[in-house]
Amino acid sequence: MLSRAFKKSNHEKSSMVLTEEANSIIYQERPKVCLVDIDTNTKETLVSAGFNCTVGSLGSLIKLPNAKRGDKCSCFLNYTIPPHLHEYNIVIIDLKDREPIQYDVSQHELGSGSKASQIFLFCKFPQTIFDPRPLAGQKLLSTIEEIQRKESIVIVFAASRDSVSYQPVELATSYYTNKPSFSLTNYSFLPSTPNAENKIGFETTVVTAVLDKNVELTDFLQK
């Protein structure tokens, strides 16, 4: 009886402490954290811990309506990145593939504007998926370089290295001009990446050569 009462008392005390800790969480202006394509529940966890988080995206995979020979469509990038990303202290990017969204012609229409010409990306059969992320990532390259120079942190949840080809087209008043096609990898936002190759397997080996000075991080990754 006494034992049960004692355990109950400890449980009630622990619950009270947890509640007090939750109520005492203080919002932190710094570090400023940008979460790029990070799951919503992860963002909510960080925000509930008091971190100053902003979300962004390199864009969504788009399922194209190219079902047969001759089918084609125009595409624009659909990324959303804070314009003042260079001011952030931590940038976290997840390269995990997600389910494609359906192509919406209203989001990719060639519109009017002040410029005499317009650049868009041309996708034609047999291409059925448009991946904007490598090209959007390349637009972040100079900003990521600036972030690294000021010793802020860039965290990347890696994926297999993939290459995506793009065919840019310039639309002028009365004609189209194909620009030179090019390819980019999904790591195009990084100024430099270690030599690596894609492998299929289930075992993970921690490369300790660059982590020897950080024993705690090495131990964490090895676990």
N, C-alpha and C. Protein backbone atom coordinates (compact mmCIF):
# COMPACT_ATOMS: atom_id res chain seq x y z
N MET A 1 0.83 -1.20 0.00
CA MET A 1 0.00 0.00 0.00
C MET A 1 0.86 1.25 0.00
N LEU A 2 1.85 1.26 0.91
CA LEU A 2 2.75 2.41 1.01
C LEU A 2 3.54 2.56 -0.29
N SER A 3 3.95 1.41 -0.85
CA SER A 3 4.72 1.44 -2.09
C SER A 3 3.91 2.05 -3.22
N ARG A 4 2.64 1.66 -3.32
CA ARG A 4 1.77 2.20 -4.37
C ARG A 4 1.58 3.71 -4.19
N ALA A 5 1.38 4.13 -2.98
CA ALA A 5 1.17 5.55 -2.71
C ALA A 5 2.41 6.34 -3.08
N PHE A 6 3.58 5.79 -2.80
CA PHE A 6 4.84 6.46 -3.09
C PHE A 6 5.02 6.63 -4.59
N LYS A 7 4.72 5.57 -5.34
CA LYS A 7 4.83 5.63 -6.81
C LYS A 7 3.86 6.66 -7.37
N LYS A 8 2.68 6.71 -6.84
CA LYS A 8 1.70 7.67 -7.32
C LYS A 8 2.16 9.09 -7.05
N SER A 9 2.76 9.28 -5.90
CA SER A 9 3.25 10.61 -5.55
C SER A 9 4.34 11.05 -6.51
N ASN A 10 5.25 10.13 -6.86
CA ASN A 10 6.32 10.47 -7.80
C ASN A 10 5.77 10.81 -9.18
N HIS A 11 4.77 10.06 -9.61
CA HIS A 11 4.17 10.31 -10.92
C HIS A 11 3.53 11.68 -10.97
N GLU A 12 2.80 12.02 -9.89
CA GLU A 12 2.16 13.33 -9.86
C GLU A 12 3.20 14.43 -9.85
N LYS A 13 4.30 14.21 -9.12
CA LYS A 13 5.35 15.21 -9.07
C LYS A 13 6.01 15.39 -10.42
N SER A 14 6.27 14.27 -11.13
CA SER A 14 6.88 14.34 -12.45
C SER A 14 5.99 15.07 -13.43
N SER A 15 4.70 14.79 -13.40
CA SER A 15 3.76 15.46 -14.28
C SER A 15 3.77 16.96 -14.04
N MET A 16 3.85 17.35 -12.76
CA MET A 16 3.84 18.77 -12.43
C MET A 16 5.10 19.45 -12.94
N VAL A 17 6.25 18.75 -12.84
CA VAL A 17 7.51 19.32 -13.31
C VAL A 17 7.48 19.51 -14.82
N LEU A 18 6.97 18.50 -15.55
CA LEU A 18 6.88 18.59 -16.99
C LEU A 18 5.99 19.75 -17.41
N THR A 19 4.88 19.92 -16.70
CA THR A 19 3.98 21.02 -17.02
C THR A 19 4.65 22.36 -16.79
N GLU A 20 5.38 22.47 -15.70
CA GLU A 20 6.07 23.72 -15.41
C GLU A 20 7.13 24.00 -16.46
N GLU A 21 7.86 22.95 -16.92
CA GLU A 21 8.86 23.14 -17.94
C GLU A 21 8.25 23.60 -19.25
N ALA A 22 7.09 23.00 -19.61
CA ALA A 22 6.41 23.38 -20.85
C ALA A 22 5.98 24.84 -20.80
N ASN A 23 5.52 25.28 -19.62
CA ASN A 23 5.06 26.67 -19.49
C ASN A 23 6.22 27.66 -19.45
N SER A 24 7.43 27.15 -19.16
CA SER A 24 8.56 28.05 -19.03
C SER A 24 9.40 28.15 -20.29
N ILE A 25 9.00 27.49 -21.38
CA ILE A 25 9.75 27.55 -22.63
C ILE A 25 9.75 28.98 -23.16
N ILE A 26 10.93 29.48 -23.46
CA ILE A 26 11.08 30.87 -23.91
C ILE A 26 11.40 30.89 -25.40
N TYR A 27 10.68 31.74 -26.13
CA TYR A 27 10.91 31.89 -27.56
C TYR A 27 12.29 32.49 -27.80
N GLN A 28 13.05 31.89 -28.74
CA GLN A 28 14.40 32.36 -29.05
C GLN A 28 14.42 33.02 -30.43
N GLU A 29 14.77 34.29 -30.48
CA GLU A 29 14.90 34.98 -31.76
C GLU A 29 16.05 34.38 -32.56
N ARG A 30 17.12 34.02 -31.86
CA ARG A 30 18.29 33.39 -32.47
C ARG A 30 18.53 32.05 -31.79
N PRO A 31 18.93 31.05 -32.54
CA PRO A 31 19.23 31.07 -33.97
C PRO A 31 17.98 31.07 -34.84
N LYS A 32 18.07 31.70 -36.01
CA LYS A 32 16.99 31.65 -36.98
C LYS A 32 17.18 30.39 -37.83
N VAL A 33 16.12 29.60 -37.90
CA VAL A 33 16.20 28.30 -38.56
C VAL A 33 15.27 28.27 -39.77
N CYS A 34 15.80 27.90 -40.92
CA CYS A 34 14.97 27.73 -42.12
C CYS A 34 14.85 26.24 -42.41
N LEU A 35 13.63 25.75 -42.46
CA LEU A 35 13.35 24.33 -42.70
C LEU A 35 12.88 24.16 -44.14
N VAL A 36 13.69 23.55 -44.96
CA VAL A 36 13.38 23.40 -46.38
C VAL A 36 12.91 21.98 -46.65
N ASP A 37 11.65 21.84 -47.00
CA ASP A 37 11.03 20.54 -47.28
C ASP A 37 11.11 19.59 -46.09
N ILE A 38 10.98 20.15 -44.89
CA ILE A 38 10.97 19.37 -43.66
C ILE A 38 9.54 19.06 -43.26
N ASP A 39 9.30 17.86 -42.74
CA ASP A 39 7.95 17.44 -42.36
C ASP A 39 7.35 18.40 -41.34
N THR A 40 6.03 18.57 -41.42
CA THR A 40 5.32 19.50 -40.55
C THR A 40 5.49 19.18 -39.08
N ASN A 41 5.44 17.88 -38.74
CA ASN A 41 5.55 17.52 -37.31
C ASN A 41 6.91 17.87 -36.74
N THR A 42 7.97 17.82 -37.57
CA THR A 42 9.29 18.23 -37.12
C THR A 42 9.33 19.73 -36.85
N LYS A 43 8.72 20.48 -37.75
CA LYS A 43 8.65 21.93 -37.57
C LYS A 43 7.91 22.29 -36.30
N GLU A 44 6.78 21.63 -36.07
CA GLU A 44 5.98 21.92 -34.88
C GLU A 44 6.75 21.58 -33.60
N THR A 45 7.54 20.50 -33.63
CA THR A 45 8.34 20.13 -32.47
C THR A 45 9.37 21.21 -32.15
N LEU A 46 10.04 21.72 -33.16
CA LEU A 46 11.05 22.76 -32.95
C LEU A 46 10.41 24.06 -32.47
N VAL A 47 9.28 24.42 -33.06
CA VAL A 47 8.58 25.65 -32.64
C VAL A 47 8.11 25.53 -31.19
N SER A 48 7.61 24.35 -30.82
CA SER A 48 7.13 24.16 -29.45
C SER A 48 8.27 24.20 -28.44
N ALA A 49 9.51 23.98 -28.93
CA ALA A 49 10.68 24.07 -28.05
C ALA A 49 11.23 25.49 -27.99
N GLY A 50 10.59 26.43 -28.70
CA GLY A 50 10.99 27.82 -28.63
C GLY A 50 11.86 28.31 -29.77
N PHE A 51 12.13 27.46 -30.78
CA PHE A 51 12.99 27.88 -31.87
C PHE A 51 12.24 28.77 -32.87
N ASN A 52 12.96 29.71 -33.44
CA ASN A 52 12.44 30.64 -34.45
C ASN A 52 12.58 29.99 -35.82
N CYS A 53 11.51 29.38 -36.32
CA CYS A 53 11.57 28.58 -37.55
C CYS A 53 10.74 29.20 -38.68
N THR A 54 11.28 29.13 -39.88
CA THR A 54 10.57 29.52 -41.09
C THR A 54 10.66 28.36 -42.07
N VAL A 55 9.57 28.08 -42.77
CA VAL A 55 9.58 26.96 -43.70
C VAL A 55 9.83 27.45 -45.12
N GLY A 56 10.39 26.57 -45.93
CA GLY A 56 10.61 26.85 -47.34
C GLY A 56 10.56 25.55 -48.11
N SER A 57 10.68 25.64 -49.43
CA SER A 57 10.64 24.44 -50.26
C SER A 57 11.41 24.68 -51.56
N LEU A 58 12.08 23.63 -52.03
CA LEU A 58 12.72 23.69 -53.34
C LEU A 58 11.72 23.36 -54.45
N GLY A 59 10.49 23.07 -54.08
CA GLY A 59 9.45 22.79 -55.06
C GLY A 59 8.97 21.36 -54.99
N SER A 60 7.83 21.13 -55.59
CA SER A 60 7.20 19.80 -55.59
C SER A 60 7.40 19.11 -56.93
N LEU A 61 7.60 17.80 -56.88
CA LEU A 61 7.56 17.01 -58.11
C LEU A 61 6.18 17.16 -58.74
N ILE A 62 6.14 17.25 -60.07
CA ILE A 62 4.87 17.46 -60.76
C ILE A 62 4.64 16.33 -61.76
N LYS A 63 3.49 15.71 -61.67
CA LYS A 63 3.12 14.65 -62.61
C LYS A 63 2.55 15.30 -63.87
N LEU A 64 3.24 15.10 -64.99
CA LEU A 64 2.89 15.78 -66.24
C LEU A 64 1.86 15.00 -67.04
N PRO A 65 1.02 15.71 -67.80
CA PRO A 65 0.01 15.03 -68.62
C PRO A 65 0.56 14.59 -69.98
N ASN A 66 1.76 14.03 -69.98
CA ASN A 66 2.39 13.59 -71.23
C ASN A 66 2.19 12.08 -71.39
N ALA A 67 1.08 11.70 -72.02
CA ALA A 67 0.72 10.28 -72.10
C ALA A 67 1.13 9.62 -73.41
N LYS A 68 1.38 10.42 -74.44
CA LYS A 68 1.69 9.83 -75.75
C LYS A 68 2.63 10.74 -76.52
N ARG A 69 3.18 10.20 -77.61
CA ARG A 69 4.10 10.97 -78.43
C ARG A 69 3.42 12.24 -78.94
N GLY A 70 4.13 13.34 -78.85
CA GLY A 70 3.57 14.62 -79.28
C GLY A 70 3.06 15.46 -78.12
N ASP A 71 2.80 14.82 -76.97
CA ASP A 71 2.34 15.59 -75.80
C ASP A 71 3.49 16.42 -75.25
N LYS A 72 3.18 17.63 -74.84
CA LYS A 72 4.21 18.53 -74.30
C LYS A 72 3.55 19.58 -73.43
N CYS A 73 4.32 20.19 -72.56
CA CYS A 73 3.79 21.24 -71.70
C CYS A 73 4.92 22.13 -71.21
N SER A 74 4.56 23.32 -70.82
CA SER A 74 5.53 24.26 -70.26
C SER A 74 5.50 24.17 -68.74
N CYS A 75 6.64 24.41 -68.10
CA CYS A 75 6.72 24.33 -66.64
C CYS A 75 7.53 25.50 -66.09
N PHE A 76 7.14 25.95 -64.92
CA PHE A 76 7.88 26.96 -64.18
C PHE A 76 8.26 26.38 -62.82
N LEU A 77 9.29 26.96 -62.21
CA LEU A 77 9.69 26.52 -60.88
C LEU A 77 8.63 26.91 -59.86
N ASN A 78 8.48 26.07 -58.83
CA ASN A 78 7.47 26.34 -57.80
C ASN A 78 8.08 26.36 -56.41
N TYR A 79 9.32 26.86 -56.31
CA TYR A 79 10.00 26.88 -55.01
C TYR A 79 9.58 28.11 -54.20
N THR A 80 9.71 28.00 -52.88
CA THR A 80 9.42 29.11 -51.96
C THR A 80 10.54 29.17 -50.92
N ILE A 81 11.42 30.12 -51.08
CA ILE A 81 12.56 30.30 -50.19
C ILE A 81 12.54 31.72 -49.65
N PRO A 82 12.75 31.93 -48.34
CA PRO A 82 12.77 33.29 -47.80
C PRO A 82 13.81 34.15 -48.52
N PRO A 83 13.44 35.35 -48.95
CA PRO A 83 14.39 36.20 -49.69
C PRO A 83 15.59 36.63 -48.85
N HIS A 84 15.46 36.59 -47.53
CA HIS A 84 16.56 36.96 -46.65
C HIS A 84 17.22 35.73 -46.03
N LEU A 85 17.32 34.66 -46.80
CA LEU A 85 17.89 33.41 -46.30
C LEU A 85 19.31 33.60 -45.77
N HIS A 86 20.05 34.54 -46.33
CA HIS A 86 21.44 34.76 -45.91
C HIS A 86 21.53 35.20 -44.44
N GLU A 87 20.42 35.65 -43.86
CA GLU A 87 20.43 36.09 -42.47
C GLU A 87 20.21 34.94 -41.48
N TYR A 88 19.93 33.75 -41.98
CA TYR A 88 19.62 32.63 -41.09
C TYR A 88 20.90 32.00 -40.56
N ASN A 89 20.77 31.41 -39.37
CA ASN A 89 21.90 30.77 -38.72
C ASN A 89 21.97 29.27 -38.99
N ILE A 90 20.81 28.66 -39.21
CA ILE A 90 20.74 27.22 -39.49
C ILE A 90 19.78 27.00 -40.66
N VAL A 91 20.24 26.26 -41.66
CA VAL A 91 19.39 25.87 -42.79
C VAL A 91 19.37 24.35 -42.84
N ILE A 92 18.19 23.77 -42.80
CA ILE A 92 18.02 22.32 -42.83
C ILE A 92 17.25 21.95 -44.09
N ILE A 93 17.82 21.07 -44.91
CA ILE A 93 17.22 20.69 -46.19
C ILE A 93 17.03 19.18 -46.23
N ASP A 94 15.83 18.76 -46.57
CA ASP A 94 15.54 17.33 -46.70
C ASP A 94 15.36 17.01 -48.18
N LEU A 95 16.17 16.10 -48.71
CA LEU A 95 16.13 15.75 -50.13
C LEU A 95 15.23 14.55 -50.43
N LYS A 96 14.51 14.11 -49.44
CA LYS A 96 13.64 12.94 -49.63
C LYS A 96 12.57 13.23 -50.69
N ASP A 97 12.35 12.25 -51.57
CA ASP A 97 11.29 12.38 -52.57
C ASP A 97 9.93 12.28 -51.91
N ARG A 98 9.00 13.06 -52.42
CA ARG A 98 7.62 12.99 -51.95
C ARG A 98 6.70 12.72 -53.14
N GLU A 99 5.46 12.41 -52.84
CA GLU A 99 4.51 12.11 -53.90
C GLU A 99 4.34 13.32 -54.83
N PRO A 100 4.36 13.09 -56.15
CA PRO A 100 4.18 14.22 -57.09
C PRO A 100 2.77 14.80 -56.99
N ILE A 101 2.66 16.08 -57.29
CA ILE A 101 1.34 16.71 -57.40
C ILE A 101 0.95 16.73 -58.88
N GLN A 102 -0.33 16.86 -59.14
CA GLN A 102 -0.81 16.88 -60.51
C GLN A 102 -0.49 18.21 -61.18
N TYR A 103 -0.18 18.15 -62.45
CA TYR A 103 0.09 19.35 -63.24
C TYR A 103 -1.16 20.22 -63.31
N ASP A 104 -1.01 21.48 -62.98
CA ASP A 104 -2.12 22.45 -63.04
C ASP A 104 -1.73 23.52 -64.05
N VAL A 105 -2.40 23.50 -65.20
CA VAL A 105 -2.02 24.41 -66.29
C VAL A 105 -2.09 25.87 -65.87
N SER A 106 -2.96 26.20 -64.93
CA SER A 106 -3.09 27.59 -64.50
C SER A 106 -1.85 28.09 -63.76
N GLN A 107 -1.06 27.15 -63.21
CA GLN A 107 0.16 27.52 -62.50
C GLN A 107 1.37 27.60 -63.43
N HIS A 108 1.19 27.21 -64.69
CA HIS A 108 2.32 27.17 -65.63
C HIS A 108 2.01 27.86 -66.95
N GLU A 109 1.02 28.74 -66.94
CA GLU A 109 0.67 29.47 -68.15
C GLU A 109 1.70 30.55 -68.45
N LEU A 110 1.96 30.75 -69.72
CA LEU A 110 2.85 31.82 -70.13
C LEU A 110 2.10 33.12 -69.98
N GLY A 111 2.57 33.97 -69.09
CA GLY A 111 1.82 35.18 -68.77
C GLY A 111 2.42 36.41 -69.42
N SER A 112 1.72 37.51 -69.23
CA SER A 112 2.18 38.80 -69.76
C SER A 112 3.01 39.49 -68.69
N GLY A 113 3.78 40.47 -69.11
CA GLY A 113 4.60 41.22 -68.17
C GLY A 113 5.34 42.34 -68.87
N SER A 114 6.26 42.93 -68.18
CA SER A 114 6.98 44.07 -68.74
C SER A 114 8.13 43.66 -69.65
N LYS A 115 8.55 42.39 -69.57
CA LYS A 115 9.67 41.95 -70.39
C LYS A 115 9.22 41.55 -71.79
N ALA A 116 10.12 41.76 -72.75
CA ALA A 116 9.80 41.45 -74.14
C ALA A 116 9.88 39.96 -74.44
N SER A 117 10.51 39.20 -73.53
CA SER A 117 10.61 37.76 -73.73
C SER A 117 10.46 37.07 -72.38
N GLN A 118 10.25 35.76 -72.43
CA GLN A 118 10.03 34.99 -71.21
C GLN A 118 10.68 33.64 -71.36
N ILE A 119 11.32 33.18 -70.28
CA ILE A 119 11.98 31.87 -70.28
C ILE A 119 11.11 30.88 -69.50
N PHE A 120 10.88 29.71 -70.09
CA PHE A 120 10.18 28.65 -69.38
C PHE A 120 10.88 27.33 -69.69
N LEU A 121 10.47 26.27 -69.03
CA LEU A 121 11.06 24.95 -69.22
C LEU A 121 10.09 24.08 -70.01
N PHE A 122 10.62 23.42 -71.04
CA PHE A 122 9.79 22.66 -71.96
C PHE A 122 9.89 21.18 -71.62
N CYS A 123 8.76 20.53 -71.39
CA CYS A 123 8.74 19.11 -71.05
C CYS A 123 7.85 18.38 -72.05
N LYS A 124 8.39 17.36 -72.67
CA LYS A 124 7.60 16.63 -73.66
C LYS A 124 7.77 15.13 -73.48
N PHE A 125 6.82 14.37 -73.99
CA PHE A 125 6.83 12.92 -73.91
C PHE A 125 8.17 12.40 -74.43
N PRO A 126 8.80 11.42 -73.74
CA PRO A 126 8.27 10.55 -72.68
C PRO A 126 8.47 11.07 -71.25
N GLN A 127 8.85 12.31 -71.06
CA GLN A 127 9.00 12.84 -69.70
C GLN A 127 7.62 12.98 -69.05
N THR A 128 7.44 12.34 -67.91
CA THR A 128 6.14 12.39 -67.22
C THR A 128 6.24 13.00 -65.83
N ILE A 129 7.46 13.29 -65.37
CA ILE A 129 7.66 13.93 -64.06
C ILE A 129 8.58 15.14 -64.24
N PHE A 130 8.18 16.26 -63.70
CA PHE A 130 9.03 17.45 -63.69
C PHE A 130 9.55 17.66 -62.28
N ASP A 131 10.88 17.72 -62.15
CA ASP A 131 11.52 17.91 -60.85
C ASP A 131 12.20 19.28 -60.83
N PRO A 132 11.62 20.26 -60.14
CA PRO A 132 12.19 21.61 -60.13
C PRO A 132 13.33 21.80 -59.14
N ARG A 133 13.57 20.82 -58.27
CA ARG A 133 14.45 21.03 -57.12
C ARG A 133 15.92 21.29 -57.48
N PRO A 134 16.54 20.55 -58.42
CA PRO A 134 17.93 20.86 -58.74
C PRO A 134 18.12 22.28 -59.27
N LEU A 135 17.23 22.74 -60.13
CA LEU A 135 17.36 24.09 -60.67
C LEU A 135 17.08 25.14 -59.60
N ALA A 136 16.09 24.89 -58.76
CA ALA A 136 15.82 25.79 -57.64
C ALA A 136 17.00 25.81 -56.68
N GLY A 137 17.60 24.64 -56.47
CA GLY A 137 18.76 24.55 -55.59
C GLY A 137 19.94 25.35 -56.10
N GLN A 138 20.13 25.34 -57.42
CA GLN A 138 21.23 26.12 -57.99
C GLN A 138 21.07 27.61 -57.72
N LYS A 139 19.83 28.08 -57.66
CA LYS A 139 19.57 29.48 -57.37
C LYS A 139 19.94 29.84 -55.93
N LEU A 140 20.07 28.83 -55.07
CA LEU A 140 20.46 29.04 -53.67
C LEU A 140 21.96 28.99 -53.47
N LEU A 141 22.71 28.60 -54.49
CA LEU A 141 24.14 28.31 -54.33
C LEU A 141 24.90 29.48 -53.71
N SER A 142 24.76 30.67 -54.25
CA SER A 142 25.51 31.81 -53.73
C SER A 142 25.10 32.13 -52.29
N THR A 143 23.82 31.94 -51.97
CA THR A 143 23.36 32.21 -50.61
C THR A 143 23.93 31.19 -49.63
N ILE A 144 23.95 29.92 -50.02
CA ILE A 144 24.53 28.89 -49.17
C ILE A 144 26.01 29.15 -48.95
N GLU A 145 26.72 29.60 -49.98
CA GLU A 145 28.13 29.96 -49.83
C GLU A 145 28.30 31.06 -48.79
N GLU A 146 27.42 32.06 -48.85
CA GLU A 146 27.49 33.17 -47.89
C GLU A 146 27.21 32.68 -46.48
N ILE A 147 26.23 31.79 -46.34
CA ILE A 147 25.89 31.24 -45.02
C ILE A 147 27.07 30.47 -44.45
N GLN A 148 27.74 29.69 -45.28
CA GLN A 148 28.89 28.90 -44.81
C GLN A 148 30.07 29.79 -44.42
N ARG A 149 30.24 30.91 -45.12
CA ARG A 149 31.36 31.81 -44.80
C ARG A 149 31.21 32.43 -43.41
N LYS A 150 29.98 32.63 -42.98
CA LYS A 150 29.80 33.23 -41.65
C LYS A 150 29.63 32.16 -40.57
N GLU A 151 30.02 30.94 -40.91
CA GLU A 151 30.05 29.82 -39.96
C GLU A 151 28.68 29.49 -39.40
N SER A 152 27.67 29.68 -40.20
CA SER A 152 26.36 29.15 -39.83
C SER A 152 26.31 27.68 -40.22
N ILE A 153 25.20 27.03 -39.92
CA ILE A 153 25.11 25.57 -40.09
C ILE A 153 24.16 25.22 -41.22
N VAL A 154 24.61 24.34 -42.12
CA VAL A 154 23.75 23.79 -43.16
C VAL A 154 23.66 22.29 -42.93
N ILE A 155 22.45 21.80 -42.66
CA ILE A 155 22.22 20.38 -42.41
C ILE A 155 21.42 19.81 -43.58
N VAL A 156 21.92 18.71 -44.16
CA VAL A 156 21.25 18.10 -45.30
C VAL A 156 20.91 16.65 -44.97
N PHE A 157 19.63 16.32 -45.05
CA PHE A 157 19.21 14.92 -44.96
C PHE A 157 19.31 14.36 -46.37
N ALA A 158 20.33 13.53 -46.55
CA ALA A 158 20.75 13.16 -47.90
C ALA A 158 19.82 12.16 -48.56
N ALA A 159 19.95 12.10 -49.89
CA ALA A 159 19.26 11.10 -50.71
C ALA A 159 20.26 10.67 -51.78
N SER A 160 19.90 9.67 -52.55
CA SER A 160 20.79 9.25 -53.64
C SER A 160 20.99 10.41 -54.61
N ARG A 161 22.18 10.48 -55.16
CA ARG A 161 22.50 11.56 -56.09
C ARG A 161 21.82 11.29 -57.43
N ASP A 162 20.98 12.22 -57.86
CA ASP A 162 20.26 12.10 -59.12
C ASP A 162 20.54 13.31 -60.00
N SER A 163 20.51 13.10 -61.30
CA SER A 163 20.73 14.18 -62.26
C SER A 163 19.43 14.42 -63.04
N VAL A 164 19.09 15.70 -63.21
CA VAL A 164 17.86 16.07 -63.92
C VAL A 164 18.22 16.97 -65.10
N SER A 165 17.65 16.69 -66.26
CA SER A 165 17.90 17.49 -67.46
C SER A 165 16.79 18.51 -67.65
N TYR A 166 17.19 19.69 -68.13
CA TYR A 166 16.23 20.77 -68.38
C TYR A 166 16.39 21.29 -69.80
N GLN A 167 15.26 21.65 -70.39
CA GLN A 167 15.25 22.27 -71.71
C GLN A 167 14.60 23.65 -71.61
N PRO A 168 15.39 24.71 -71.45
CA PRO A 168 14.81 26.04 -71.39
C PRO A 168 14.43 26.55 -72.79
N VAL A 169 13.35 27.29 -72.84
CA VAL A 169 12.86 27.87 -74.10
C VAL A 169 12.55 29.34 -73.85
N GLU A 170 12.95 30.19 -74.78
CA GLU A 170 12.65 31.60 -74.69
C GLU A 170 11.48 31.93 -75.61
N LEU A 171 10.46 32.55 -75.04
CA LEU A 171 9.31 32.99 -75.81
C LEU A 171 9.42 34.48 -76.06
N ALA A 172 9.52 34.86 -77.34
CA ALA A 172 9.53 36.27 -77.73
C ALA A 172 8.17 36.61 -78.33
N THR A 173 8.09 37.73 -78.97
CA THR A 173 6.79 38.21 -79.47
C THR A 173 6.14 37.22 -80.43
N SER A 174 6.89 36.65 -81.31
CA SER A 174 6.27 35.80 -82.34
C SER A 174 7.03 34.50 -82.60
N TYR A 175 7.95 34.13 -81.71
CA TYR A 175 8.72 32.92 -81.97
C TYR A 175 9.24 32.32 -80.67
N TYR A 176 9.58 31.03 -80.74
CA TYR A 176 10.22 30.31 -79.64
C TYR A 176 11.67 30.04 -80.02
N THR A 177 12.55 30.11 -79.04
CA THR A 177 13.95 29.77 -79.26
C THR A 177 14.40 28.78 -78.20
N ASN A 178 14.86 27.62 -78.66
CA ASN A 178 15.38 26.64 -77.72
C ASN A 178 16.76 27.07 -77.24
N LYS A 179 16.92 27.17 -75.94
CA LYS A 179 18.21 27.45 -75.34
C LYS A 179 18.95 26.13 -75.13
N PRO A 180 20.26 26.16 -74.93
CA PRO A 180 21.01 24.91 -74.68
C PRO A 180 20.47 24.17 -73.46
N SER A 181 20.25 22.90 -73.62
CA SER A 181 19.79 22.10 -72.49
C SER A 181 20.96 21.88 -71.52
N PHE A 182 20.64 21.54 -70.28
CA PHE A 182 21.67 21.33 -69.26
C PHE A 182 21.13 20.38 -68.20
N SER A 183 22.04 19.87 -67.40
CA SER A 183 21.67 18.94 -66.33
C SER A 183 22.24 19.42 -65.00
N LEU A 184 21.52 19.15 -63.92
CA LEU A 184 21.95 19.50 -62.57
C LEU A 184 21.62 18.34 -61.65
N THR A 185 22.38 18.20 -60.57
CA THR A 185 22.08 17.17 -59.59
C THR A 185 21.25 17.77 -58.45
N ASN A 186 20.69 16.90 -57.62
CA ASN A 186 19.90 17.36 -56.49
C ASN A 186 20.75 17.98 -55.39
N TYR A 187 22.08 17.99 -55.56
CA TYR A 187 22.98 18.66 -54.61
C TYR A 187 23.53 19.96 -55.18
N SER A 188 22.85 20.54 -56.14
CA SER A 188 23.34 21.73 -56.83
C SER A 188 23.43 22.96 -55.92
N PHE A 189 22.79 22.93 -54.75
CA PHE A 189 22.81 24.07 -53.84
C PHE A 189 24.09 24.11 -53.00
N LEU A 190 24.90 23.03 -53.03
CA LEU A 190 26.11 22.97 -52.22
C LEU A 190 27.32 23.41 -53.03
N PRO A 191 28.16 24.29 -52.47
CA PRO A 191 29.36 24.73 -53.17
C PRO A 191 30.32 23.59 -53.48
N SER A 192 30.38 22.59 -52.61
CA SER A 192 31.23 21.44 -52.85
C SER A 192 30.63 20.23 -52.14
N THR A 193 30.81 19.08 -52.72
CA THR A 193 30.32 17.84 -52.12
C THR A 193 31.43 16.79 -52.21
N PRO A 194 31.49 15.89 -51.24
CA PRO A 194 32.51 14.84 -51.29
C PRO A 194 32.23 13.87 -52.44
N ASN A 195 33.29 13.24 -52.92
CA ASN A 195 33.11 12.22 -53.94
C ASN A 195 32.26 11.08 -53.38
N ALA A 196 31.24 10.70 -54.11
CA ALA A 196 30.34 9.67 -53.62
C ALA A 196 29.70 8.95 -54.79
N GLU A 197 29.22 7.76 -54.53
CA GLU A 197 28.48 7.01 -55.53
C GLU A 197 27.29 6.35 -54.86
N ASN A 198 26.23 6.18 -55.62
CA ASN A 198 25.02 5.56 -55.09
C ASN A 198 25.23 4.05 -54.94
N LYS A 199 24.84 3.54 -53.78
CA LYS A 199 24.93 2.11 -53.53
C LYS A 199 23.63 1.63 -52.90
N ILE A 200 23.31 0.38 -53.14
CA ILE A 200 22.14 -0.23 -52.52
C ILE A 200 22.63 -1.11 -51.37
N GLY A 201 22.06 -0.92 -50.18
CA GLY A 201 22.47 -1.72 -49.04
C GLY A 201 21.70 -1.33 -47.79
N PHE A 202 22.02 -1.98 -46.69
CA PHE A 202 21.30 -1.76 -45.45
C PHE A 202 22.22 -1.32 -44.31
N GLU A 203 23.53 -1.44 -44.50
CA GLU A 203 24.48 -1.08 -43.46
C GLU A 203 24.97 0.35 -43.67
N THR A 204 25.16 1.06 -42.57
CA THR A 204 25.65 2.43 -42.62
C THR A 204 26.99 2.51 -41.92
N THR A 205 27.96 3.13 -42.58
CA THR A 205 29.28 3.31 -42.00
C THR A 205 29.54 4.79 -41.80
N VAL A 206 29.92 5.17 -40.61
CA VAL A 206 30.22 6.57 -40.32
C VAL A 206 31.65 6.87 -40.73
N VAL A 207 31.82 7.87 -41.58
CA VAL A 207 33.15 8.28 -42.01
C VAL A 207 33.74 9.16 -40.92
N THR A 208 34.71 8.63 -40.19
CA THR A 208 35.21 9.32 -39.01
C THR A 208 36.36 10.28 -39.31
N ALA A 209 36.91 10.23 -40.52
CA ALA A 209 38.09 11.04 -40.82
C ALA A 209 37.84 12.53 -40.58
N VAL A 210 36.64 12.99 -40.89
CA VAL A 210 36.34 14.42 -40.74
C VAL A 210 35.63 14.70 -39.42
N LEU A 211 35.42 13.65 -38.60
CA LEU A 211 34.68 13.83 -37.35
C LEU A 211 35.53 13.58 -36.11
N ASP A 212 36.81 13.31 -36.30
CA ASP A 212 37.66 12.96 -35.16
C ASP A 212 37.69 14.04 -34.08
N LYS A 213 37.53 15.29 -34.49
CA LYS A 213 37.58 16.38 -33.53
C LYS A 213 36.25 16.54 -32.78
N ASN A 214 35.24 15.82 -33.23
CA ASN A 214 33.93 15.92 -32.58
C ASN A 214 33.49 14.52 -32.16
N VAL A 215 34.00 14.08 -31.04
CA VAL A 215 33.76 12.71 -30.58
C VAL A 215 32.28 12.49 -30.29
N GLU A 216 31.61 13.49 -29.73
CA GLU A 216 30.20 13.34 -29.39
C GLU A 216 29.37 13.10 -30.64
N LEU A 217 29.64 13.84 -31.71
CA LEU A 217 28.90 13.66 -32.95
C LEU A 217 29.18 12.29 -33.56
N THR A 218 30.44 11.87 -33.51
CA THR A 218 30.79 10.55 -34.04
C THR A 218 30.06 9.46 -33.29
N ASP A 219 30.05 9.52 -31.96
CA ASP A 219 29.35 8.51 -31.16
C ASP A 219 27.86 8.50 -31.48
N PHE A 220 27.29 9.71 -31.65
CA PHE A 220 25.85 9.81 -31.93
C PHE A 220 25.52 9.14 -33.27
N LEU A 221 26.32 9.42 -34.29
CA LEU A 221 26.05 8.85 -35.61
C LEU A 221 26.26 7.35 -35.63
N GLN A 222 27.25 6.87 -34.88
CA GLN A 222 27.51 5.43 -34.85
C GLN A 222 26.41 4.65 -34.14
N LYS A 223 25.68 5.32 -33.27
CA LYS A 223 24.56 4.66 -32.61
C LYS A 223 23.33 4.57 -33.49
